[in-house]
């Protein structure tokens, strides 16, 4: 459990240009659940809607998936995810950590049985859940925004 014996609540985001998945969880039970898929325009969510979600759930830490390449190197998209993480921190004044999200969308599709069209059934909320579960399993493996 991170932070000693203190229960930590977390909110995770699967960043995308058109959708941003969101999940919530906590360290007491080590569980996470999908929460929402927020619409975004060129990676910009409705910041008021996002702030309301964070205000409702009051997480201790925010997590953003970092889309690394399979060899561990940074993809072109990593810069955009890091920028989103810095904006989260700046707007919400909460600690933000990056979590390796390799294969999270594939696992989310398998879990949710959503193999059809992505446009019909986005899996971003389930991918955020996978990101959060990754962190819950090993909170020490985070990267700076």
C-alpha atoms as a PDB file:
ATOM      1  CA  UNK A   1       0.000   0.000   0.000  1.00  0.00           C
ATOM      2  CA  UNK A   2       1.555   3.363  -0.981  1.00  0.00           C
ATOM      3  CA  UNK A   3       2.152   6.067   1.618  1.00  0.00           C
ATOM      4  CA  UNK A   4       2.668   3.598   4.462  1.00  0.00           C
ATOM      5  CA  UNK A   5      -0.608   2.376   5.919  1.00  0.00           C
ATOM      6  CA  UNK A   6      -2.679   5.307   4.664  1.00  0.00           C
ATOM      7  CA  UNK A   7      -5.525   4.452   2.303  1.00  0.00           C
ATOM      8  CA  UNK A   8      -4.967   6.303  -0.959  1.00  0.00           C
ATOM      9  CA  UNK A   9      -7.717   6.975  -3.463  1.00  0.00           C
ATOM     10  CA  UNK A  10      -6.755   7.470  -7.072  1.00  0.00           C
ATOM     11  CA  UNK A  11      -8.276   8.532 -10.357  1.00  0.00           C
ATOM     12  CA  UNK A  12      -6.690   7.325 -13.579  1.00  0.00           C
ATOM     13  CA  UNK A  13      -6.959   8.708 -17.090  1.00  0.00           C
ATOM     14  CA  UNK A  14      -6.435   7.044 -20.450  1.00  0.00           C
ATOM     15  CA  UNK A  15      -5.571  10.089 -22.547  1.00  0.00           C
ATOM     16  CA  UNK A  16      -6.720  10.353 -26.137  1.00  0.00           C
ATOM     17  CA  UNK A  17      -7.375  13.073 -28.666  1.00  0.00           C
ATOM     18  CA  UNK A  18     -11.116  12.336 -28.991  1.00  0.00           C
ATOM     19  CA  UNK A  19     -11.860  10.532 -25.735  1.00  0.00           C
ATOM     20  CA  UNK A  20     -10.325  10.405 -22.275  1.00  0.00           C
ATOM     21  CA  UNK A  21     -11.166   7.400 -20.145  1.00  0.00           C
ATOM     22  CA  UNK A  22     -11.493   7.752 -16.406  1.00  0.00           C
ATOM     23  CA  UNK A  23     -11.438   5.186 -13.584  1.00  0.00           C
ATOM     24  CA  UNK A  24     -11.381   5.351  -9.797  1.00  0.00           C
ATOM     25  CA  UNK A  25      -9.970   3.077  -7.146  1.00  0.00           C
ATOM     26  CA  UNK A  26      -8.199   2.880  -3.807  1.00  0.00           C
ATOM     27  CA  UNK A  27      -5.496   1.013  -2.002  1.00  0.00           C
ATOM     28  CA  UNK A  28      -7.584  -0.446   0.849  1.00  0.00           C
ATOM     29  CA  UNK A  29      -8.984  -3.225  -1.336  1.00  0.00           C
ATOM     30  CA  UNK A  30      -6.681  -2.676  -4.310  1.00  0.00           C
ATOM     31  CA  UNK A  31      -9.689  -2.363  -6.571  1.00  0.00           C
ATOM     32  CA  UNK A  32     -10.528  -0.080  -9.467  1.00  0.00           C
ATOM     33  CA  UNK A  33     -13.579   0.493 -11.611  1.00  0.00           C
ATOM     34  CA  UNK A  34     -14.310   2.345 -14.830  1.00  0.00           C
ATOM     35  CA  UNK A  35     -16.015   5.676 -14.288  1.00  0.00           C
ATOM     36  CA  UNK A  36     -16.542   7.634 -17.496  1.00  0.00           C
ATOM     37  CA  UNK A  37     -15.445   8.340 -21.037  1.00  0.00           C
ATOM     38  CA  UNK A  38     -15.037  12.080 -21.460  1.00  0.00           C
ATOM     39  CA  UNK A  39     -15.242  13.615 -24.897  1.00  0.00           C
ATOM     40  CA  UNK A  40     -12.214  15.632 -25.924  1.00  0.00           C
ATOM     41  CA  UNK A  41     -11.325  17.890 -28.796  1.00  0.00           C
ATOM     42  CA  UNK A  42      -7.698  17.482 -29.858  1.00  0.00           C
ATOM     43  CA  UNK A  43      -6.928  16.113 -26.393  1.00  0.00           C
ATOM     44  CA  UNK A  44      -8.727  18.887 -24.541  1.00  0.00           C
ATOM     45  CA  UNK A  45     -11.563  17.685 -22.306  1.00  0.00           C
ATOM     46  CA  UNK A  46     -14.336  19.830 -20.911  1.00  0.00           C
ATOM     47  CA  UNK A  47     -12.201  20.941 -17.968  1.00  0.00           C
ATOM     48  CA  UNK A  48     -15.247  21.900 -15.880  1.00  0.00           C
ATOM     49  CA  UNK A  49     -16.729  18.424 -16.300  1.00  0.00           C
ATOM     50  CA  UNK A  50     -13.397  16.839 -15.415  1.00  0.00           C
ATOM     51  CA  UNK A  51     -13.028  19.098 -12.361  1.00  0.00           C
ATOM     52  CA  UNK A  52     -16.540  18.111 -11.213  1.00  0.00           C
ATOM     53  CA  UNK A  53     -15.624  14.411 -11.442  1.00  0.00           C
ATOM     54  CA  UNK A  54     -12.477  14.986  -9.427  1.00  0.00           C
ATOM     55  CA  UNK A  55     -14.440  17.090  -6.923  1.00  0.00           C
ATOM     56  CA  UNK A  56     -17.059  14.367  -6.543  1.00  0.00           C
ATOM     57  CA  UNK A  57     -14.527  11.556  -6.005  1.00  0.00           C
ATOM     58  CA  UNK A  58     -11.805  13.558  -4.197  1.00  0.00           C
ATOM     59  CA  UNK A  59      -8.828  11.378  -5.151  1.00  0.00           C
ATOM     60  CA  UNK A  60      -5.476  11.762  -3.408  1.00  0.00           C
ATOM     61  CA  UNK A  61      -3.530  11.205  -6.627  1.00  0.00           C
ATOM     62  CA  UNK A  62      -4.180  11.398 -10.369  1.00  0.00           C
ATOM     63  CA  UNK A  63      -2.637   8.890 -12.757  1.00  0.00           C
ATOM     64  CA  UNK A  64      -2.176   9.298 -16.497  1.00  0.00           C
ATOM     65  CA  UNK A  65      -1.289   6.453 -18.817  1.00  0.00           C
ATOM     66  CA  UNK A  66       1.999   6.880 -20.674  1.00  0.00           C
ATOM     67  CA  UNK A  67       1.815   5.235 -24.128  1.00  0.00           C
ATOM     68  CA  UNK A  68       5.326   3.815 -24.361  1.00  0.00           C
ATOM     69  CA  UNK A  69       6.436   1.752 -27.327  1.00  0.00           C
ATOM     70  CA  UNK A  70       6.740  -1.989 -26.780  1.00  0.00           C
ATOM     71  CA  UNK A  71      10.526  -1.638 -26.379  1.00  0.00           C
ATOM     72  CA  UNK A  72      10.018   0.903 -23.557  1.00  0.00           C
ATOM     73  CA  UNK A  73      11.002   3.924 -25.621  1.00  0.00           C
ATOM     74  CA  UNK A  74       8.757   6.969 -25.745  1.00  0.00           C
ATOM     75  CA  UNK A  75       6.201   7.173 -28.526  1.00  0.00           C
ATOM     76  CA  UNK A  76       5.358  10.433 -30.282  1.00  0.00           C
ATOM     77  CA  UNK A  77       2.135  10.493 -28.274  1.00  0.00           C
ATOM     78  CA  UNK A  78       3.967  10.467 -24.918  1.00  0.00           C
ATOM     79  CA  UNK A  79       4.570  14.218 -25.133  1.00  0.00           C
ATOM     80  CA  UNK A  80       0.840  14.879 -25.466  1.00  0.00           C
ATOM     81  CA  UNK A  81       0.015  12.595 -22.527  1.00  0.00           C
ATOM     82  CA  UNK A  82       2.670  14.342 -20.399  1.00  0.00           C
ATOM     83  CA  UNK A  83       1.250  17.744 -21.366  1.00  0.00           C
ATOM     84  CA  UNK A  84      -2.220  16.568 -20.307  1.00  0.00           C
ATOM     85  CA  UNK A  85      -0.745  15.394 -16.975  1.00  0.00           C
ATOM     86  CA  UNK A  86       0.901  18.772 -16.381  1.00  0.00           C
ATOM     87  CA  UNK A  87      -2.385  20.518 -17.171  1.00  0.00           C
ATOM     88  CA  UNK A  88      -4.210  18.273 -14.692  1.00  0.00           C
ATOM     89  CA  UNK A  89      -1.715  19.214 -12.007  1.00  0.00           C
ATOM     90  CA  UNK A  90      -1.886  22.907 -12.851  1.00  0.00           C
ATOM     91  CA  UNK A  91      -5.687  23.053 -12.906  1.00  0.00           C
ATOM     92  CA  UNK A  92      -6.460  20.729  -9.988  1.00  0.00           C
ATOM     93  CA  UNK A  93      -3.380  21.118  -7.777  1.00  0.00           C
ATOM     94  CA  UNK A  94      -3.169  17.385  -7.083  1.00  0.00           C
ATOM     95  CA  UNK A  95      -0.161  15.099  -7.454  1.00  0.00           C
ATOM     96  CA  UNK A  96      -0.032  13.514 -10.899  1.00  0.00           C
ATOM     97  CA  UNK A  97       1.969  10.418 -11.823  1.00  0.00           C
ATOM     98  CA  UNK A  98       2.502   8.688 -15.140  1.00  0.00           C
ATOM     99  CA  UNK A  99       1.924   4.933 -15.453  1.00  0.00           C
ATOM    100  CA  UNK A 100       3.154   2.676 -18.256  1.00  0.00           C
ATOM    101  CA  UNK A 101       0.031   1.814 -20.231  1.00  0.00           C
ATOM    102  CA  UNK A 102       1.398  -0.577 -22.847  1.00  0.00           C
ATOM    103  CA  UNK A 103      -1.374  -2.891 -24.069  1.00  0.00           C
ATOM    104  CA  UNK A 104      -4.007  -1.361 -21.747  1.00  0.00           C
ATOM    105  CA  UNK A 105      -6.446  -0.721 -24.607  1.00  0.00           C
ATOM    106  CA  UNK A 106      -6.056  -4.272 -25.907  1.00  0.00           C
ATOM    107  CA  UNK A 107      -6.665  -5.703 -22.434  1.00  0.00           C
ATOM    108  CA  UNK A 108      -9.661  -3.371 -22.008  1.00  0.00           C
ATOM    109  CA  UNK A 109     -11.176  -4.596 -25.287  1.00  0.00           C
ATOM    110  CA  UNK A 110     -10.697  -8.207 -24.218  1.00  0.00           C
ATOM    111  CA  UNK A 111     -12.226  -7.582 -20.794  1.00  0.00           C
ATOM    112  CA  UNK A 112     -15.205  -5.646 -22.052  1.00  0.00           C
ATOM    113  CA  UNK A 113     -15.926  -7.826 -25.026  1.00  0.00           C
ATOM    114  CA  UNK A 114     -15.810  -4.651 -27.099  1.00  0.00           C
ATOM    115  CA  UNK A 115     -14.101  -5.948 -30.208  1.00  0.00           C
ATOM    116  CA  UNK A 116     -16.497  -4.170 -32.553  1.00  0.00           C
ATOM    117  CA  UNK A 117     -16.121  -0.648 -33.802  1.00  0.00           C
ATOM    118  CA  UNK A 118     -14.269   1.622 -31.400  1.00  0.00           C
ATOM    119  CA  UNK A 119     -16.531   4.500 -32.388  1.00  0.00           C
ATOM    120  CA  UNK A 120     -19.611   2.578 -31.294  1.00  0.00           C
ATOM    121  CA  UNK A 121     -18.137   1.377 -28.012  1.00  0.00           C
ATOM    122  CA  UNK A 122     -14.996   3.169 -26.797  1.00  0.00           C
ATOM    123  CA  UNK A 123     -12.951   1.273 -24.217  1.00  0.00           C
ATOM    124  CA  UNK A 124     -11.160   4.265 -22.716  1.00  0.00           C
ATOM    125  CA  UNK A 125     -12.832   3.873 -19.311  1.00  0.00           C
ATOM    126  CA  UNK A 126     -11.779   0.225 -19.139  1.00  0.00           C
ATOM    127  CA  UNK A 127      -8.248   1.150 -20.271  1.00  0.00           C
ATOM    128  CA  UNK A 128      -8.134   3.709 -17.429  1.00  0.00           C
ATOM    129  CA  UNK A 129      -9.164   0.915 -15.062  1.00  0.00           C
ATOM    130  CA  UNK A 130      -6.262  -1.232 -16.348  1.00  0.00           C
ATOM    131  CA  UNK A 131      -3.873   1.719 -15.837  1.00  0.00           C
ATOM    132  CA  UNK A 132      -5.114   2.153 -12.274  1.00  0.00           C
ATOM    133  CA  UNK A 133      -4.836  -1.579 -11.539  1.00  0.00           C
ATOM    134  CA  UNK A 134      -1.254  -1.496 -12.830  1.00  0.00           C
ATOM    135  CA  UNK A 135      -0.469   1.262 -10.338  1.00  0.00           C
ATOM    136  CA  UNK A 136      -2.286  -0.492  -7.497  1.00  0.00           C
ATOM    137  CA  UNK A 137      -0.204  -3.633  -8.133  1.00  0.00           C
ATOM    138  CA  UNK A 138       3.057  -1.653  -7.985  1.00  0.00           C
ATOM    139  CA  UNK A 139       2.720   2.008  -6.958  1.00  0.00           C
ATOM    140  CA  UNK A 140       6.478   2.491  -7.064  1.00  0.00           C
ATOM    141  CA  UNK A 141       6.684   2.104 -10.827  1.00  0.00           C
ATOM    142  CA  UNK A 142       5.566   5.574 -11.847  1.00  0.00           C
ATOM    143  CA  UNK A 143       7.197   8.106 -14.089  1.00  0.00           C
ATOM    144  CA  UNK A 144       7.256  11.900 -13.748  1.00  0.00           C
ATOM    145  CA  UNK A 145       4.933  13.971 -15.976  1.00  0.00           C
END
